[in-house]
Amino acid sequence: MTFNDYQSKAGSFALYQNDMYPVASIMVESAELADLFIKPKLRGDVQPIERQMVIAEAGDVLWNLSNILKDQGISFDEVAEYNIIKLADRSKRGVIQGSGDNR
């Protein structure tokens, strides 16, 4: 499945009334994904992170991102292509490990 295929199929489950729903929800879902890694590290847990939980939370993030982009008329392909061009340019200029957007 391509990202654009995913975006098309995922959009069929977008039943929200307000286009701010996926914007707000991506913050919550991203935090839940990060929490899978952060809490065990802070507690000093030695048990492995459950792969299926990572997949589930990443899927929630992906769904929200997909719908944010769809609502703006932007495809995943467009974002992916732009990002690779940006990263290649930063790498070429030796600023890939810098900070800030304008590097």
C-alpha atoms as a PDB file:
ATOM      1  CA  MET A   1       0.000   0.000   0.000  1.00  0.00           C
ATOM      2  CA  THR A   2       1.314   3.448  -0.861  1.00  0.00           C
ATOM      3  CA  PHE A   3       0.880   6.413   1.425  1.00  0.00           C
ATOM      4  CA  ASN A   4      -1.544   7.965  -1.043  1.00  0.00           C
ATOM      5  CA  ASP A   5      -3.600   4.751  -1.051  1.00  0.00           C
ATOM      6  CA  TYR A   6      -3.597   4.859   2.736  1.00  0.00           C
ATOM      7  CA  GLN A   7      -4.649   8.507   2.723  1.00  0.00           C
ATOM      8  CA  SER A   8      -7.586   7.740   0.452  1.00  0.00           C
ATOM      9  CA  LYS A   9      -8.738   4.743   2.503  1.00  0.00           C
ATOM     10  CA  ALA A  10      -8.151   6.402   5.879  1.00  0.00           C
ATOM     11  CA  GLY A  11     -10.246   9.361   4.796  1.00  0.00           C
ATOM     12  CA  SER A  12     -13.279   7.107   4.556  1.00  0.00           C
ATOM     13  CA  PHE A  13     -13.148   6.750   8.360  1.00  0.00           C
ATOM     14  CA  ALA A  14     -12.948  10.499   8.992  1.00  0.00           C
ATOM     15  CA  LEU A  15     -16.328  11.160  10.577  1.00  0.00           C
ATOM     16  CA  TYR A  16     -15.423  14.356  12.432  1.00  0.00           C
ATOM     17  CA  GLN A  17     -17.490  17.510  11.971  1.00  0.00           C
ATOM     18  CA  ASN A  18     -14.751  20.017  12.767  1.00  0.00           C
ATOM     19  CA  ASP A  19     -11.512  20.034  10.757  1.00  0.00           C
ATOM     20  CA  MET A  20      -9.610  20.906  13.934  1.00  0.00           C
ATOM     21  CA  TYR A  21     -10.298  17.387  15.252  1.00  0.00           C
ATOM     22  CA  PRO A  22      -7.258  15.729  13.627  1.00  0.00           C
ATOM     23  CA  VAL A  23      -5.099  18.752  14.494  1.00  0.00           C
ATOM     24  CA  ALA A  24      -5.904  18.395  18.197  1.00  0.00           C
ATOM     25  CA  SER A  25      -5.882  14.609  18.086  1.00  0.00           C
ATOM     26  CA  ILE A  26      -2.424  14.344  16.521  1.00  0.00           C
ATOM     27  CA  MET A  27      -0.962  16.061  19.584  1.00  0.00           C
ATOM     28  CA  VAL A  28      -2.598  13.541  21.906  1.00  0.00           C
ATOM     29  CA  GLU A  29      -1.690  10.529  19.788  1.00  0.00           C
ATOM     30  CA  SER A  30       1.910  11.718  19.323  1.00  0.00           C
ATOM     31  CA  ALA A  31       2.233  12.059  23.082  1.00  0.00           C
ATOM     32  CA  GLU A  32       0.861   8.534  23.559  1.00  0.00           C
ATOM     33  CA  LEU A  33       3.427   7.211  21.077  1.00  0.00           C
ATOM     34  CA  ALA A  34       6.258   9.071  22.799  1.00  0.00           C
ATOM     35  CA  ASP A  35       5.006   7.860  26.177  1.00  0.00           C
ATOM     36  CA  LEU A  36       5.696   4.269  25.157  1.00  0.00           C
ATOM     37  CA  PHE A  37       9.396   5.144  25.083  1.00  0.00           C
ATOM     38  CA  ILE A  38       9.679   7.892  27.687  1.00  0.00           C
ATOM     39  CA  LYS A  39       7.900   6.392  30.693  1.00  0.00           C
ATOM     40  CA  PRO A  40       9.875   3.118  30.739  1.00  0.00           C
ATOM     41  CA  LYS A  41      13.128   5.050  30.343  1.00  0.00           C
ATOM     42  CA  LEU A  42      12.274   7.432  33.174  1.00  0.00           C
ATOM     43  CA  ARG A  43      11.169   4.552  35.428  1.00  0.00           C
ATOM     44  CA  GLY A  44      14.237   2.518  34.554  1.00  0.00           C
ATOM     45  CA  ASP A  45      12.162  -0.370  33.193  1.00  0.00           C
ATOM     46  CA  VAL A  46      14.180  -3.094  31.535  1.00  0.00           C
ATOM     47  CA  GLN A  47      11.272  -4.725  29.725  1.00  0.00           C
ATOM     48  CA  PRO A  48      11.073  -4.290  25.962  1.00  0.00           C
ATOM     49  CA  ILE A  49       8.636  -1.867  24.418  1.00  0.00           C
ATOM     50  CA  GLU A  50       5.714  -3.744  22.902  1.00  0.00           C
ATOM     51  CA  ARG A  51       6.012  -3.628  19.120  1.00  0.00           C
ATOM     52  CA  GLN A  52       2.251  -3.893  18.600  1.00  0.00           C
ATOM     53  CA  MET A  53       1.658  -0.874  20.860  1.00  0.00           C
ATOM     54  CA  VAL A  54       4.148   1.156  18.812  1.00  0.00           C
ATOM     55  CA  ILE A  55       2.360   0.126  15.620  1.00  0.00           C
ATOM     56  CA  ALA A  56      -1.054   0.984  17.096  1.00  0.00           C
ATOM     57  CA  GLU A  57      -0.048   4.437  18.363  1.00  0.00           C
ATOM     58  CA  ALA A  58       1.937   5.235  15.196  1.00  0.00           C
ATOM     59  CA  GLY A  59      -1.156   4.293  13.199  1.00  0.00           C
ATOM     60  CA  ASP A  60      -3.225   6.785  15.182  1.00  0.00           C
ATOM     61  CA  VAL A  61      -0.643   9.498  14.465  1.00  0.00           C
ATOM     62  CA  LEU A  62      -0.613   8.507  10.786  1.00  0.00           C
ATOM     63  CA  TRP A  63      -4.414   8.661  10.557  1.00  0.00           C
ATOM     64  CA  ASN A  64      -4.514  12.156  12.019  1.00  0.00           C
ATOM     65  CA  LEU A  65      -1.671  13.407   9.805  1.00  0.00           C
ATOM     66  CA  SER A  66      -3.365  11.884   6.787  1.00  0.00           C
ATOM     67  CA  ASN A  67      -6.575  13.756   7.493  1.00  0.00           C
ATOM     68  CA  ILE A  68      -4.862  17.062   8.291  1.00  0.00           C
ATOM     69  CA  LEU A  69      -3.171  16.863   4.888  1.00  0.00           C
ATOM     70  CA  LYS A  70      -6.342  15.712   3.101  1.00  0.00           C
ATOM     71  CA  ASP A  71      -8.312  18.617   4.587  1.00  0.00           C
ATOM     72  CA  GLN A  72      -5.662  20.968   3.157  1.00  0.00           C
ATOM     73  CA  GLY A  73      -5.659  19.292  -0.261  1.00  0.00           C
ATOM     74  CA  ILE A  74      -2.128  17.934   0.231  1.00  0.00           C
ATOM     75  CA  SER A  75      -1.073  14.386  -0.626  1.00  0.00           C
ATOM     76  CA  PHE A  76       1.410  12.283   1.309  1.00  0.00           C
ATOM     77  CA  ASP A  77       3.494  12.040  -1.872  1.00  0.00           C
ATOM     78  CA  GLU A  78       3.817  15.822  -2.028  1.00  0.00           C
ATOM     79  CA  VAL A  79       4.997  15.989   1.589  1.00  0.00           C
ATOM     80  CA  ALA A  80       7.419  13.073   1.185  1.00  0.00           C
ATOM     81  CA  GLU A  81       8.947  14.477  -2.004  1.00  0.00           C
ATOM     82  CA  TYR A  82       9.357  17.947  -0.474  1.00  0.00           C
ATOM     83  CA  ASN A  83      10.927  16.508   2.674  1.00  0.00           C
ATOM     84  CA  ILE A  84      13.526  14.450   0.760  1.00  0.00           C
ATOM     85  CA  ILE A  85      14.480  17.491  -1.338  1.00  0.00           C
ATOM     86  CA  LYS A  86      14.827  19.585   1.846  1.00  0.00           C
ATOM     87  CA  LEU A  87      16.932  16.932   3.606  1.00  0.00           C
ATOM     88  CA  ALA A  88      19.165  16.410   0.566  1.00  0.00           C
ATOM     89  CA  ASP A  89      19.744  20.165   0.348  1.00  0.00           C
ATOM     90  CA  ARG A  90      20.628  20.380   4.044  1.00  0.00           C
ATOM     91  CA  SER A  91      22.965  17.412   3.717  1.00  0.00           C
ATOM     92  CA  LYS A  92      24.666  18.966   0.689  1.00  0.00           C
ATOM     93  CA  ARG A  93      25.209  22.212   2.617  1.00  0.00           C
ATOM     94  CA  GLY A  94      26.412  20.368   5.751  1.00  0.00           C
ATOM     95  CA  VAL A  95      23.606  21.631   7.972  1.00  0.00           C
ATOM     96  CA  ILE A  96      21.523  18.486   8.406  1.00  0.00           C
ATOM     97  CA  GLN A  97      22.378  18.347  12.118  1.00  0.00           C
ATOM     98  CA  GLY A  98      21.759  22.030  12.717  1.00  0.00           C
ATOM     99  CA  SER A  99      18.698  23.491  14.364  1.00  0.00           C
ATOM    100  CA  GLY A 100      15.882  25.627  13.081  1.00  0.00           C
ATOM    101  CA  ASP A 101      13.908  25.598   9.870  1.00  0.00           C
ATOM    102  CA  ASN A 102      15.986  28.167   7.982  1.00  0.00           C
ATOM    103  CA  ARG A 103      19.301  26.378   7.738  1.00  0.00           C
END
